[in-house]
């Protein structure tokens, strides 16, 4: 009969050492990350950062697992269908590190709990659904107010688009410039800001799968996994002050399908002339959906 194996933090994360020092690993252990949304990218972010050895998280999600989550979400297994995502993914994180400290917000992130959600947080990691733009704007504004670095990695096609908002740098609002616009225009501006390079647009083989009226679109596990890798590395760099990390109005888009890496620089955000041209391309697509 095999001997029982007990958990030991230093042993569990010893293979990180070499890429980080013992002192850096100790700092990662003490850091606290907030993640709002635990679906395709958010769940992967939590498990990736837990395996990095970060031991303190504030997490928020109000949704339950359903079968349409199966293609990409970290906790989407048949035994967990119908269960709250936050409980399932929290269990998985505790299976990685039984000593982990998790503060759960099962009602999601709201105006009433956002201050508590961000309490003691060193870095905010965005995992909200694409269409949760009001909640996303609220959280990014609060992060700026509280001096918390905020990062987002969007799963686009078979790649990831990454943005980093420093508290003292360009804000989410100044980059995306969605304030005062109606809902459809806000989505157009959010897409344009997330993906200035639009590397993924030419291999969408079934455009009807994108429907903004029904708030749905296609996704892949490859994109979610790439998001988690980029996010984990970026969080490490921010927490440890290791190397440079380009902040907005810089963005990064890596597309595995095309094997392309694009760095974008959009001074003035969506007011940039290049972004205005991109919006002229995006708007008719969204308008066509609403007319259909």
Protein backbone atom coordinates (compact mmCIF):
# COMPACT_ATOMS: atom_id res chain seq x y z
CA UNK A 1 0.00 0.00 0.00
CA UNK A 2 1.42 3.37 -1.02
CA UNK A 3 2.31 5.77 1.76
CA UNK A 4 0.13 8.86 2.09
CA UNK A 5 1.66 11.99 0.60
CA UNK A 6 1.20 15.16 2.63
CA UNK A 7 1.18 18.68 1.24
CA UNK A 8 4.26 20.83 1.71
CA UNK A 9 4.34 24.26 0.04
CA UNK A 10 8.08 24.35 -0.59
CA UNK A 11 8.06 20.90 -2.17
CA UNK A 12 4.87 21.53 -4.14
CA UNK A 13 6.30 24.56 -5.92
CA UNK A 14 9.99 23.62 -5.86
CA UNK A 15 10.09 23.22 -9.65
CA UNK A 16 9.40 26.95 -10.00
CA UNK A 17 12.78 27.62 -8.44
CA UNK A 18 15.32 28.47 -11.09
CA UNK A 19 12.89 30.62 -13.01
CA UNK A 20 12.21 32.42 -9.72
CA UNK A 21 14.35 32.62 -6.60
CA UNK A 22 13.33 31.30 -3.19
CA UNK A 23 12.81 34.88 -2.05
CA UNK A 24 10.59 35.61 -5.09
CA UNK A 25 8.57 32.45 -4.50
CA UNK A 26 7.96 33.58 -0.93
CA UNK A 27 6.69 36.92 -2.27
CA UNK A 28 4.37 35.15 -4.72
CA UNK A 29 3.01 33.06 -1.85
CA UNK A 30 2.09 36.18 0.15
CA UNK A 31 0.54 38.08 -2.77
CA UNK A 32 -3.22 38.41 -3.22
CA UNK A 33 -4.93 38.36 -6.62
CA UNK A 34 -8.53 39.30 -7.40
CA UNK A 35 -10.25 37.50 -10.28
CA UNK A 36 -13.74 38.47 -11.42
CA UNK A 37 -15.34 35.82 -13.64
CA UNK A 38 -14.38 32.14 -13.44
CA UNK A 39 -15.41 30.90 -16.88
CA UNK A 40 -13.23 30.29 -19.91
CA UNK A 41 -10.31 32.48 -18.91
CA UNK A 42 -11.03 33.24 -15.25
CA UNK A 43 -11.00 29.62 -14.10
CA UNK A 44 -7.80 28.96 -16.03
CA UNK A 45 -6.23 32.08 -14.50
CA UNK A 46 -7.04 30.90 -10.97
CA UNK A 47 -5.60 27.41 -11.48
CA UNK A 48 -2.51 28.70 -13.31
CA UNK A 49 -1.74 31.26 -10.62
CA UNK A 50 -2.41 28.68 -7.88
CA UNK A 51 0.17 26.40 -9.53
CA UNK A 52 2.56 29.35 -9.63
CA UNK A 53 2.31 29.27 -5.84
CA UNK A 54 0.20 32.35 -5.23
CA UNK A 55 -1.78 31.48 -2.11
CA UNK A 56 -4.32 34.27 -1.65
CA UNK A 57 -7.24 35.11 -3.93
CA UNK A 58 -10.45 37.10 -3.97
CA UNK A 59 -12.74 35.50 -6.57
CA UNK A 60 -16.19 36.39 -7.87
CA UNK A 61 -18.72 34.62 -10.11
CA UNK A 62 -22.50 34.12 -9.95
CA UNK A 63 -22.95 31.55 -12.76
CA UNK A 64 -23.42 27.76 -12.84
CA UNK A 65 -21.74 25.30 -15.18
CA UNK A 66 -23.71 24.19 -18.24
CA UNK A 67 -22.89 21.78 -21.03
CA UNK A 68 -22.04 24.57 -23.51
CA UNK A 69 -19.07 25.42 -21.24
CA UNK A 70 -17.47 22.04 -21.93
CA UNK A 71 -15.21 23.11 -24.81
CA UNK A 72 -13.12 25.57 -22.80
CA UNK A 73 -13.85 26.10 -19.09
CA UNK A 74 -11.53 24.78 -16.39
CA UNK A 75 -14.25 23.32 -14.14
CA UNK A 76 -16.56 22.06 -16.88
CA UNK A 77 -16.86 18.31 -16.21
CA UNK A 78 -20.10 16.35 -16.35
CA UNK A 79 -20.22 15.73 -12.57
CA UNK A 80 -20.13 19.51 -12.05
CA UNK A 81 -22.93 20.49 -14.43
CA UNK A 82 -25.44 22.77 -12.71
CA UNK A 83 -23.04 23.55 -9.88
CA UNK A 84 -21.79 27.08 -9.11
CA UNK A 85 -18.60 27.81 -10.99
CA UNK A 86 -17.11 29.59 -7.98
CA UNK A 87 -17.53 26.54 -5.70
CA UNK A 88 -16.21 24.09 -8.27
CA UNK A 89 -13.14 26.08 -9.27
CA UNK A 90 -12.42 26.96 -5.63
CA UNK A 91 -12.41 23.22 -4.88
CA UNK A 92 -9.94 22.65 -7.71
CA UNK A 93 -7.66 25.41 -6.40
CA UNK A 94 -7.74 23.87 -2.93
CA UNK A 95 -6.84 20.51 -4.47
CA UNK A 96 -3.68 22.20 -5.78
CA UNK A 97 -2.89 23.98 -2.51
CA UNK A 98 -4.89 22.93 0.58
CA UNK A 99 -3.48 25.96 2.43
CA UNK A 100 -4.79 28.48 -0.09
CA UNK A 101 -6.80 31.44 1.22
CA UNK A 102 -9.89 32.10 -0.92
CA UNK A 103 -12.38 34.90 -0.35
CA UNK A 104 -15.49 34.11 -2.38
CA UNK A 105 -18.10 36.47 -3.82
CA UNK A 106 -20.79 34.09 -5.14
CA UNK A 107 -23.04 36.96 -6.20
CA UNK A 108 -20.39 38.17 -8.65
CA UNK A 109 -18.81 41.60 -8.43
CA UNK A 110 -21.34 44.38 -7.83
CA UNK A 111 -21.33 48.07 -6.87
CA UNK A 112 -22.19 46.95 -3.34
CA UNK A 113 -19.28 44.52 -2.90
CA UNK A 114 -16.55 45.82 -5.24
CA UNK A 115 -14.60 47.53 -2.44
CA UNK A 116 -14.58 44.33 -0.38
CA UNK A 117 -13.74 42.30 -3.50
CA UNK A 118 -10.61 44.42 -4.02
CA UNK A 119 -9.58 44.50 -0.34
CA UNK A 120 -5.87 43.71 0.23
CA UNK A 121 -5.38 43.01 -3.49
CA UNK A 122 -2.00 43.40 -5.21
CA UNK A 123 -3.16 42.74 -8.81
CA UNK A 124 -6.55 42.47 -10.49
CA UNK A 125 -6.99 39.80 -13.20
CA UNK A 126 -9.98 40.27 -15.50
CA UNK A 127 -11.97 37.13 -16.27
CA UNK A 128 -15.37 38.71 -16.90
CA UNK A 129 -17.51 37.67 -19.83
CA UNK A 130 -17.03 39.79 -22.96
CA UNK A 131 -20.56 41.17 -22.63
CA UNK A 132 -20.19 42.18 -18.95
CA UNK A 133 -18.94 45.61 -19.97
CA UNK A 134 -20.67 47.66 -17.23
CA UNK A 135 -19.17 45.44 -14.50
CA UNK A 136 -15.78 45.51 -16.21
CA UNK A 137 -15.76 49.31 -16.42
CA UNK A 138 -16.70 49.53 -12.73
CA UNK A 139 -13.92 47.19 -11.59
CA UNK A 140 -11.22 48.82 -13.72
CA UNK A 141 -12.24 52.27 -12.43
CA UNK A 142 -12.06 51.01 -8.83
CA UNK A 143 -8.64 49.49 -9.45
CA UNK A 144 -7.36 52.82 -10.72
CA UNK A 145 -8.86 54.61 -7.71
CA UNK A 146 -7.18 52.14 -5.34
CA UNK A 147 -3.83 52.01 -7.18
CA UNK A 148 -4.20 48.35 -8.21
CA UNK A 149 -2.62 47.15 -11.48
CA UNK A 150 -5.31 45.64 -13.72
CA UNK A 151 -4.70 43.11 -16.51
CA UNK A 152 -6.92 41.51 -19.12
CA UNK A 153 -6.25 38.74 -21.67
CA UNK A 154 -8.98 38.18 -24.24
CA UNK A 155 -9.40 34.78 -25.96
CA UNK A 156 -9.74 35.67 -29.64
CA UNK A 157 -9.96 32.88 -32.19
CA UNK A 158 -6.97 30.70 -31.44
CA UNK A 159 -4.92 33.38 -29.77
CA UNK A 160 -4.88 35.98 -27.03
CA UNK A 161 -4.92 39.76 -26.89
CA UNK A 162 -3.38 41.24 -23.75
CA UNK A 163 -3.70 44.68 -22.15
CA UNK A 164 -2.14 46.02 -18.95
CA UNK A 165 -3.48 49.10 -17.18
CA UNK A 166 -1.08 50.71 -14.70
CA UNK A 167 -2.78 52.83 -12.02
CA UNK A 168 -0.69 55.85 -13.05
CA UNK A 169 -0.89 55.18 -16.80
CA UNK A 170 -3.65 55.40 -19.40
CA UNK A 171 -6.98 54.37 -17.88
CA UNK A 172 -9.43 51.80 -19.20
CA UNK A 173 -11.89 54.60 -19.97
CA UNK A 174 -9.38 56.77 -21.84
CA UNK A 175 -8.24 53.79 -23.89
CA UNK A 176 -11.62 52.32 -24.87
CA UNK A 177 -13.65 55.57 -24.82
CA UNK A 178 -17.03 53.91 -24.43
CA UNK A 179 -18.59 56.45 -22.07
CA UNK A 180 -21.70 58.16 -23.39
CA UNK A 181 -22.25 55.73 -26.28
CA UNK A 182 -25.16 53.35 -26.76
CA UNK A 183 -24.64 49.65 -26.10
CA UNK A 184 -23.82 48.50 -29.64
CA UNK A 185 -21.23 51.23 -30.11
CA UNK A 186 -19.70 50.34 -26.74
CA UNK A 187 -19.24 46.74 -27.91
CA UNK A 188 -17.71 47.95 -31.18
CA UNK A 189 -15.24 50.10 -29.26
CA UNK A 190 -14.43 47.29 -26.85
CA UNK A 191 -13.66 44.89 -29.72
CA UNK A 192 -11.54 47.49 -31.48
CA UNK A 193 -9.57 48.24 -28.33
CA UNK A 194 -9.05 44.61 -27.40
CA UNK A 195 -7.89 43.61 -30.85
CA UNK A 196 -6.37 46.53 -32.78
CA UNK A 197 -4.49 44.08 -35.02
CA UNK A 198 -7.58 41.90 -35.69
CA UNK A 199 -5.26 38.98 -36.54
CA UNK A 200 -8.06 36.46 -36.04
CA UNK A 201 -10.66 37.94 -38.35
CA UNK A 202 -9.80 36.02 -41.55
CA UNK A 203 -10.29 32.47 -40.20
CA UNK A 204 -13.77 32.89 -38.73
CA UNK A 205 -15.38 30.29 -41.02
CA UNK A 206 -18.94 30.56 -39.64
CA UNK A 207 -19.70 34.27 -39.04
CA UNK A 208 -23.27 33.46 -37.96
CA UNK A 209 -21.81 31.98 -34.77
CA UNK A 210 -21.16 35.55 -33.60
CA UNK A 211 -24.38 37.12 -32.42
CA UNK A 212 -24.20 40.25 -30.29
CA UNK A 213 -27.98 40.46 -29.93
CA UNK A 214 -27.98 37.06 -28.22
CA UNK A 215 -24.67 37.81 -26.46
CA UNK A 216 -22.84 34.75 -27.75
CA UNK A 217 -19.78 33.97 -29.83
CA UNK A 218 -17.41 31.09 -30.61
CA UNK A 219 -14.45 30.20 -28.43
CA UNK A 220 -11.61 27.68 -28.20
CA UNK A 221 -9.72 26.04 -25.35
CA UNK A 222 -6.46 26.94 -27.12
CA UNK A 223 -7.24 30.63 -26.76
CA UNK A 224 -8.16 30.26 -23.08
CA UNK A 225 -4.97 28.32 -22.33
CA UNK A 226 -2.86 30.91 -24.16
CA UNK A 227 -4.58 33.65 -22.14
CA UNK A 228 -3.69 31.85 -18.90
CA UNK A 229 -0.04 31.50 -19.89
CA UNK A 230 0.31 35.14 -20.90
CA UNK A 231 -1.58 36.29 -17.80
CA UNK A 232 0.42 34.13 -15.40
CA UNK A 233 3.70 35.43 -16.79
CA UNK A 234 2.49 39.03 -16.68
CA UNK A 235 1.23 38.75 -13.10
CA UNK A 236 4.61 37.30 -12.09
CA UNK A 237 6.42 40.23 -13.70
CA UNK A 238 4.17 42.82 -12.07
CA UNK A 239 4.38 41.25 -8.60
CA UNK A 240 8.13 40.70 -8.69
CA UNK A 241 9.09 43.81 -10.65
CA UNK A 242 10.89 41.58 -13.13
CA UNK A 243 11.58 43.10 -16.55
CA UNK A 244 9.43 45.50 -18.50
CA UNK A 245 5.78 45.03 -19.33
CA UNK A 246 4.18 47.38 -21.84
CA UNK A 247 1.07 49.12 -20.56
CA UNK A 248 -1.83 50.69 -22.44
CA UNK A 249 -1.88 52.26 -24.98
CA UNK A 250 0.43 49.35 -25.86
CA UNK A 251 -1.20 46.00 -26.48
CA UNK A 252 -0.03 42.54 -27.46
CA UNK A 253 -1.80 40.01 -29.68
CA UNK A 254 -0.44 36.51 -30.26
CA UNK A 255 -2.31 34.31 -32.71
CA UNK A 256 -1.26 30.64 -32.75
CA UNK A 257 -3.25 29.89 -35.89
CA UNK A 258 -1.23 32.36 -37.94
CA UNK A 259 1.88 32.01 -35.75
CA UNK A 260 1.97 35.78 -35.47
CA UNK A 261 2.87 38.14 -32.65
CA UNK A 262 1.72 41.74 -32.97
CA UNK A 263 2.55 44.60 -30.64
CA UNK A 264 0.19 47.53 -31.07
CA UNK A 265 0.56 51.12 -29.94
CA UNK A 266 -2.54 53.29 -30.02
CA UNK A 267 -1.94 56.72 -28.47
CA UNK A 268 -5.31 58.26 -27.56
CA UNK A 269 -6.84 54.77 -27.56
CA UNK A 270 -9.94 54.49 -29.71
CA UNK A 271 -9.55 58.14 -30.75
CA UNK A 272 -6.44 57.12 -32.69
CA UNK A 273 -6.98 57.47 -36.48
CA UNK A 274 -6.15 53.78 -36.99
CA UNK A 275 -8.82 52.83 -34.47
CA UNK A 276 -11.33 55.09 -36.14
CA UNK A 277 -10.72 53.23 -39.40
CA UNK A 278 -11.13 49.90 -37.61
CA UNK A 279 -14.41 51.04 -36.09
CA UNK A 280 -15.71 51.87 -39.57
CA UNK A 281 -15.12 48.20 -40.40
CA UNK A 282 -16.67 46.83 -37.19
CA UNK A 283 -19.84 48.96 -36.99
CA UNK A 284 -21.51 47.66 -40.18
CA UNK A 285 -20.93 44.08 -39.02
CA UNK A 286 -22.74 44.75 -35.74
CA UNK A 287 -25.41 46.77 -37.50
CA UNK A 288 -26.00 43.93 -39.94
CA UNK A 289 -26.60 41.57 -37.03
CA UNK A 290 -29.11 43.88 -35.41
CA UNK A 291 -30.95 44.28 -38.73
CA UNK A 292 -30.98 40.53 -39.38
